[in-house]
C-alpha atoms as a PDB file:
ATOM      1  CA  MET A   1      98.948  27.569  67.842  1.00  0.00           C
ATOM      2  CA  ALA A   2      96.793  25.061  68.282  1.00  0.00           C
ATOM      3  CA  ASP A   3      94.432  27.044  65.641  1.00  0.00           C
ATOM      4  CA  PHE A   4      97.424  26.858  62.853  1.00  0.00           C
ATOM      5  CA  GLU A   5      96.530  24.076  60.622  1.00  0.00           C
ATOM      6  CA  PRO A   6      98.847  24.319  57.314  1.00  0.00           C
ATOM      7  CA  ASN A   7      96.686  22.891  54.780  1.00  0.00           C
ATOM      8  CA  LYS A   8      94.018  25.277  55.357  1.00  0.00           C
ATOM      9  CA  ASP A   9      93.094  27.618  52.717  1.00  0.00           C
ATOM     10  CA  ASP A  10      93.404  31.193  54.514  1.00  0.00           C
ATOM     11  CA  ASP A  11      92.703  33.153  50.905  1.00  0.00           C
ATOM     12  CA  HIS A  12      88.825  33.178  51.769  1.00  0.00           C
ATOM     13  CA  GLY A  13      88.319  32.711  47.851  1.00  0.00           C
ATOM     14  CA  VAL A  14      90.744  35.412  46.273  1.00  0.00           C
ATOM     15  CA  ALA A  15      92.206  34.174  43.204  1.00  0.00           C
ATOM     16  CA  VAL A  16      96.107  34.898  42.860  1.00  0.00           C
ATOM     17  CA  GLN A  17      97.841  35.080  39.612  1.00  0.00           C
ATOM     18  CA  SER A  18     101.430  34.667  38.853  1.00  0.00           C
ATOM     19  CA  ALA A  19     102.966  37.394  37.072  1.00  0.00           C
ATOM     20  CA  LYS A  20     105.960  36.719  35.239  1.00  0.00           C
ATOM     21  CA  PRO A  21     108.952  39.549  35.978  1.00  0.00           C
ATOM     22  CA  GLN A  22     108.731  41.788  33.251  1.00  0.00           C
ATOM     23  CA  LEU A  23     112.399  42.095  32.215  1.00  0.00           C
ATOM     24  CA  LYS A  24     113.862  43.737  29.075  1.00  0.00           C
ATOM     25  CA  LYS A  25     117.025  44.161  27.465  1.00  0.00           C
ATOM     26  CA  PRO A  26     120.020  46.471  29.031  1.00  0.00           C
ATOM     27  CA  PRO A  27     120.792  49.753  26.786  1.00  0.00           C
ATOM     28  CA  LEU A  28     123.355  49.079  24.589  1.00  0.00           C
ATOM     29  CA  TYR A  29     126.227  51.631  23.948  1.00  0.00           C
ATOM     30  CA  LYS A  30     128.382  52.038  20.926  1.00  0.00           C
ATOM     31  CA  VAL A  31     132.385  52.678  21.378  1.00  0.00           C
ATOM     32  CA  ILE A  32     133.383  55.321  18.853  1.00  0.00           C
ATOM     33  CA  LEU A  33     136.849  56.653  17.807  1.00  0.00           C
ATOM     34  CA  LEU A  34     137.459  60.479  17.305  1.00  0.00           C
ATOM     35  CA  ASN A  35     139.912  61.293  14.335  1.00  0.00           C
ATOM     36  CA  ASP A  36     143.045  63.378  15.328  1.00  0.00           C
ATOM     37  CA  ASP A  37     145.337  64.755  12.855  1.00  0.00           C
ATOM     38  CA  PHE A  38     148.288  63.141  14.875  1.00  0.00           C
ATOM     39  CA  THR A  39     147.299  59.523  15.019  1.00  0.00           C
ATOM     40  CA  PRO A  40     149.455  57.285  12.313  1.00  0.00           C
ATOM     41  CA  MET A  41     146.663  55.393  10.574  1.00  0.00           C
ATOM     42  CA  ALA A  42     148.416  52.102  11.252  1.00  0.00           C
ATOM     43  CA  PHE A  43     148.484  52.406  14.666  1.00  0.00           C
ATOM     44  CA  VAL A  44     144.441  53.086  14.322  1.00  0.00           C
ATOM     45  CA  ILE A  45     144.226  49.788  12.397  1.00  0.00           C
ATOM     46  CA  ASP A  46     146.340  48.153  15.200  1.00  0.00           C
ATOM     47  CA  ILE A  47     143.983  48.892  18.122  1.00  0.00           C
ATOM     48  CA  LEU A  48     140.861  48.004  16.169  1.00  0.00           C
ATOM     49  CA  MET A  49     142.365  44.709  15.412  1.00  0.00           C
ATOM     50  CA  HIS A  50     143.999  43.900  18.632  1.00  0.00           C
ATOM     51  CA  PHE A  51     140.555  45.748  20.868  1.00  0.00           C
ATOM     52  CA  PHE A  52     137.986  44.881  18.517  1.00  0.00           C
ATOM     53  CA  SER A  53     138.609  41.762  17.216  1.00  0.00           C
ATOM     54  CA  MET A  54     138.431  42.916  13.826  1.00  0.00           C
ATOM     55  CA  SER A  55     139.831  41.473  10.588  1.00  0.00           C
ATOM     56  CA  GLU A  56     142.485  43.770   9.073  1.00  0.00           C
ATOM     57  CA  ASP A  57     140.298  44.331   5.939  1.00  0.00           C
ATOM     58  CA  MET A  58     137.469  45.359   8.101  1.00  0.00           C
ATOM     59  CA  ALA A  59     139.290  47.367  10.644  1.00  0.00           C
ATOM     60  CA  THR A  60     140.854  49.372   7.627  1.00  0.00           C
ATOM     61  CA  ARG A  61     137.486  49.862   6.421  1.00  0.00           C
ATOM     62  CA  VAL A  62     136.745  51.702  10.177  1.00  0.00           C
ATOM     63  CA  MET A  63     139.908  53.129   9.829  1.00  0.00           C
ATOM     64  CA  LEU A  64     139.230  54.872   6.784  1.00  0.00           C
ATOM     65  CA  GLN A  65     135.465  55.679   8.122  1.00  0.00           C
ATOM     66  CA  ILE A  66     137.761  58.032  11.039  1.00  0.00           C
ATOM     67  CA  HIS A  67     139.550  59.571   9.006  1.00  0.00           C
ATOM     68  CA  THR A  68     137.225  60.575   5.979  1.00  0.00           C
ATOM     69  CA  GLN A  69     133.838  61.468   8.271  1.00  0.00           C
ATOM     70  CA  GLY A  70     136.003  62.271  11.662  1.00  0.00           C
ATOM     71  CA  ILE A  71     134.183  59.465  13.965  1.00  0.00           C
ATOM     72  CA  GLY A  72     133.908  55.451  13.359  1.00  0.00           C
ATOM     73  CA  VAL A  73     131.664  53.072  15.676  1.00  0.00           C
ATOM     74  CA  CYS A  74     133.716  50.380  16.938  1.00  0.00           C
ATOM     75  CA  GLY A  75     131.051  48.024  18.207  1.00  0.00           C
ATOM     76  CA  THR A  76     128.224  47.735  20.485  1.00  0.00           C
ATOM     77  CA  TYR A  77     128.243  46.403  23.838  1.00  0.00           C
ATOM     78  CA  THR A  78     126.651  46.694  27.472  1.00  0.00           C
ATOM     79  CA  LYS A  79     127.760  49.512  29.514  1.00  0.00           C
ATOM     80  CA  GLY A  80     130.364  47.872  31.448  1.00  0.00           C
ATOM     81  CA  VAL A  81     132.417  46.171  28.386  1.00  0.00           C
ATOM     82  CA  ALA A  82     131.409  49.834  26.699  1.00  0.00           C
ATOM     83  CA  GLU A  83     133.532  51.562  29.818  1.00  0.00           C
ATOM     84  CA  THR A  84     135.866  48.897  30.036  1.00  0.00           C
ATOM     85  CA  LYS A  85     137.235  49.002  25.976  1.00  0.00           C
ATOM     86  CA  VAL A  86     137.029  53.287  26.063  1.00  0.00           C
ATOM     87  CA  CYS A  87     139.143  53.084  29.538  1.00  0.00           C
ATOM     88  CA  ILE A  88     141.629  50.317  28.285  1.00  0.00           C
ATOM     89  CA  VAL A  89     141.985  52.011  24.192  1.00  0.00           C
ATOM     90  CA  ASN A  90     142.581  56.027  26.059  1.00  0.00           C
ATOM     91  CA  GLU A  91     144.883  54.245  27.912  1.00  0.00           C
ATOM     92  CA  TYR A  92     146.692  52.274  25.469  1.00  0.00           C
ATOM     93  CA  SER A  93     146.781  55.654  23.076  1.00  0.00           C
ATOM     94  CA  ARG A  94     148.349  57.785  25.969  1.00  0.00           C
ATOM     95  CA  GLU A  95     151.287  54.836  26.431  1.00  0.00           C
ATOM     96  CA  ASN A  96     152.314  55.303  22.717  1.00  0.00           C
ATOM     97  CA  GLN A  97     152.291  58.908  23.032  1.00  0.00           C
ATOM     98  CA  HIS A  98     148.842  59.525  20.780  1.00  0.00           C
ATOM     99  CA  PRO A  99     146.269  61.942  21.269  1.00  0.00           C
ATOM    100  CA  LEU A 100     143.425  59.211  19.810  1.00  0.00           C
ATOM    101  CA  LEU A 101     140.001  59.592  21.290  1.00  0.00           C
ATOM    102  CA  CYS A 102     137.742  56.725  22.376  1.00  0.00           C
ATOM    103  CA  SER A 103     134.129  57.662  23.871  1.00  0.00           C
ATOM    104  CA  MET A 104     131.177  55.780  23.646  1.00  0.00           C
ATOM    105  CA  GLU A 105     127.099  56.967  23.294  1.00  0.00           C
ATOM    106  CA  GLU A 106     124.229  55.336  24.130  1.00  0.00           C
ATOM    107  CA  MET A 107     121.967  53.799  21.433  1.00  0.00           C
END
């Protein structure tokens, strides 16, 4: 232990460059609602306003897109948030006896 010198350079002339970690943004997921023939339009608007913080005007536009095109995007989130939104909306729909289906897909 007598040979240990903390201030001595033991790199023997080797240059070491610090590398910044390569970080990338997490993938985003679209939360979507699928049209069905049984869920009332007012219920869909209520979901969009309550769970996705849309104004009534925006919720109405998205609901009409779901109604006419069969699918509508409610929002874009990280995976964990998207999974939570899908679960909450599907549970809420079932509690209210509606077959409305919410799902997610990676962008």
